[in-house]
Amino acid sequence: MALRDLGVNSFAICGIATEIGIEPTVRYGADLGYIPVVVEDTCGAGNERAGKCSLESLRFAGDAMFTDAATIGSLFRKAVASA
């Protein structure tokens, strides 16, 4: 409710354990109506194969957008500069 009250409609996600934490968070966020943005090159995995399968599954589902750290960093810098 707090995010909706603030007008948030998307979130960027990165971290470790893609197959355990990131994939379910992305799916749950999408189920709640948010647009998850996975910063792919900043996601790690306890099991490399499982992590790749998680990202492939998320791509197949089509509920998330994907980017890399350089691209999202550039967009954030532009947003801050124009604020």
C-alpha atoms as a PDB file:
ATOM      1  CA  MET A   1       0.000   0.000   0.000  1.00  0.00           C
ATOM      2  CA  ALA A   2       2.821   2.398   0.816  1.00  0.00           C
ATOM      3  CA  LEU A   3       4.407   1.967  -2.613  1.00  0.00           C
ATOM      4  CA  ARG A   4       1.082   2.490  -4.366  1.00  0.00           C
ATOM      5  CA  ASP A   5       0.395   5.590  -2.257  1.00  0.00           C
ATOM      6  CA  LEU A   6       3.738   6.980  -3.477  1.00  0.00           C
ATOM      7  CA  GLY A   7       2.860   6.240  -7.107  1.00  0.00           C
ATOM      8  CA  VAL A   8       5.462   3.500  -7.517  1.00  0.00           C
ATOM      9  CA  ASN A   9       4.570   1.137 -10.351  1.00  0.00           C
ATOM     10  CA  SER A  10       7.891  -0.600 -11.013  1.00  0.00           C
ATOM     11  CA  PHE A  11      11.007  -1.723  -9.196  1.00  0.00           C
ATOM     12  CA  ALA A  12      14.543  -2.747 -10.125  1.00  0.00           C
ATOM     13  CA  ILE A  13      15.943  -5.884  -8.564  1.00  0.00           C
ATOM     14  CA  CYS A  14      19.386  -7.407  -8.235  1.00  0.00           C
ATOM     15  CA  GLY A  15      21.203  -9.541  -5.720  1.00  0.00           C
ATOM     16  CA  ILE A  16      22.210 -13.095  -5.018  1.00  0.00           C
ATOM     17  CA  ALA A  17      20.370 -16.359  -5.278  1.00  0.00           C
ATOM     18  CA  THR A  18      18.424 -15.643  -8.462  1.00  0.00           C
ATOM     19  CA  GLU A  19      16.823 -19.068  -8.276  1.00  0.00           C
ATOM     20  CA  ILE A  20      15.753 -18.669  -4.632  1.00  0.00           C
ATOM     21  CA  GLY A  21      15.024 -15.008  -3.977  1.00  0.00           C
ATOM     22  CA  ILE A  22      14.967 -12.935  -7.139  1.00  0.00           C
ATOM     23  CA  GLU A  23      12.708 -15.099  -9.301  1.00  0.00           C
ATOM     24  CA  PRO A  24       9.923 -15.431  -6.697  1.00  0.00           C
ATOM     25  CA  THR A  25      10.128 -11.726  -5.844  1.00  0.00           C
ATOM     26  CA  VAL A  26       9.798 -10.780  -9.514  1.00  0.00           C
ATOM     27  CA  ARG A  27       6.837 -13.126  -9.956  1.00  0.00           C
ATOM     28  CA  TYR A  28       5.107 -11.850  -6.814  1.00  0.00           C
ATOM     29  CA  GLY A  29       5.700  -8.231  -7.792  1.00  0.00           C
ATOM     30  CA  ALA A  30       4.216  -8.879 -11.224  1.00  0.00           C
ATOM     31  CA  ASP A  31       1.223 -10.613  -9.610  1.00  0.00           C
ATOM     32  CA  LEU A  32       0.664  -7.448  -7.566  1.00  0.00           C
ATOM     33  CA  GLY A  33       0.670  -5.349 -10.724  1.00  0.00           C
ATOM     34  CA  TYR A  34       4.200  -3.942 -10.548  1.00  0.00           C
ATOM     35  CA  ILE A  35       6.666  -3.948 -13.437  1.00  0.00           C
ATOM     36  CA  PRO A  36       9.824  -5.720 -12.225  1.00  0.00           C
ATOM     37  CA  VAL A  37      13.085  -4.703 -13.893  1.00  0.00           C
ATOM     38  CA  VAL A  38      15.778  -7.355 -13.501  1.00  0.00           C
ATOM     39  CA  VAL A  39      19.313  -5.948 -13.570  1.00  0.00           C
ATOM     40  CA  GLU A  40      20.657  -9.123 -15.062  1.00  0.00           C
ATOM     41  CA  ASP A  41      24.419  -8.671 -14.741  1.00  0.00           C
ATOM     42  CA  THR A  42      24.075  -7.903 -11.021  1.00  0.00           C
ATOM     43  CA  CYS A  43      22.209 -11.117 -10.193  1.00  0.00           C
ATOM     44  CA  GLY A  44      24.147 -14.021  -8.792  1.00  0.00           C
ATOM     45  CA  ALA A  45      23.143 -17.611  -8.241  1.00  0.00           C
ATOM     46  CA  GLY A  46      24.013 -20.349  -5.804  1.00  0.00           C
ATOM     47  CA  ASN A  47      23.764 -22.734  -8.725  1.00  0.00           C
ATOM     48  CA  GLU A  48      24.712 -21.222 -12.087  1.00  0.00           C
ATOM     49  CA  ARG A  49      22.499 -23.555 -14.120  1.00  0.00           C
ATOM     50  CA  ALA A  50      19.487 -22.969 -11.853  1.00  0.00           C
ATOM     51  CA  GLY A  51      20.071 -19.207 -12.013  1.00  0.00           C
ATOM     52  CA  LYS A  52      20.111 -19.246 -15.812  1.00  0.00           C
ATOM     53  CA  CYS A  53      16.948 -21.361 -15.839  1.00  0.00           C
ATOM     54  CA  SER A  54      15.258 -18.833 -13.526  1.00  0.00           C
ATOM     55  CA  LEU A  55      16.098 -15.941 -15.848  1.00  0.00           C
ATOM     56  CA  GLU A  56      14.938 -17.924 -18.881  1.00  0.00           C
ATOM     57  CA  SER A  57      11.682 -18.755 -17.089  1.00  0.00           C
ATOM     58  CA  LEU A  58      11.097 -15.097 -16.242  1.00  0.00           C
ATOM     59  CA  ARG A  59      11.781 -14.102 -19.845  1.00  0.00           C
ATOM     60  CA  PHE A  60       9.343 -16.746 -21.066  1.00  0.00           C
ATOM     61  CA  ALA A  61       6.614 -15.564 -18.671  1.00  0.00           C
ATOM     62  CA  GLY A  62       6.999 -12.013 -19.985  1.00  0.00           C
ATOM     63  CA  ASP A  63       6.136 -10.334 -16.680  1.00  0.00           C
ATOM     64  CA  ALA A  64       9.469  -8.541 -16.255  1.00  0.00           C
ATOM     65  CA  MET A  65      11.815  -6.255 -18.123  1.00  0.00           C
ATOM     66  CA  PHE A  66      15.559  -6.906 -18.278  1.00  0.00           C
ATOM     67  CA  THR A  67      18.504  -4.523 -18.329  1.00  0.00           C
ATOM     68  CA  ASP A  68      22.146  -4.316 -17.285  1.00  0.00           C
ATOM     69  CA  ALA A  69      23.885  -2.178 -14.672  1.00  0.00           C
ATOM     70  CA  ALA A  70      25.385   0.265 -17.180  1.00  0.00           C
ATOM     71  CA  THR A  71      22.032   1.013 -18.788  1.00  0.00           C
ATOM     72  CA  ILE A  72      20.020   1.461 -15.607  1.00  0.00           C
ATOM     73  CA  GLY A  73      22.837   3.451 -14.027  1.00  0.00           C
ATOM     74  CA  SER A  74      22.828   5.821 -16.982  1.00  0.00           C
ATOM     75  CA  LEU A  75      19.054   6.229 -16.755  1.00  0.00           C
ATOM     76  CA  PHE A  76      19.246   6.952 -13.012  1.00  0.00           C
ATOM     77  CA  ARG A  77      21.987   9.541 -13.540  1.00  0.00           C
ATOM     78  CA  LYS A  78      19.906  11.289 -16.211  1.00  0.00           C
ATOM     79  CA  ALA A  79      16.848  11.272 -13.949  1.00  0.00           C
ATOM     80  CA  VAL A  80      18.789  12.770 -11.048  1.00  0.00           C
ATOM     81  CA  ALA A  81      20.391  15.407 -13.275  1.00  0.00           C
ATOM     82  CA  SER A  82      17.021  16.516 -14.602  1.00  0.00           C
ATOM     83  CA  ALA A  83      15.335  16.607 -11.181  1.00  0.00           C
END
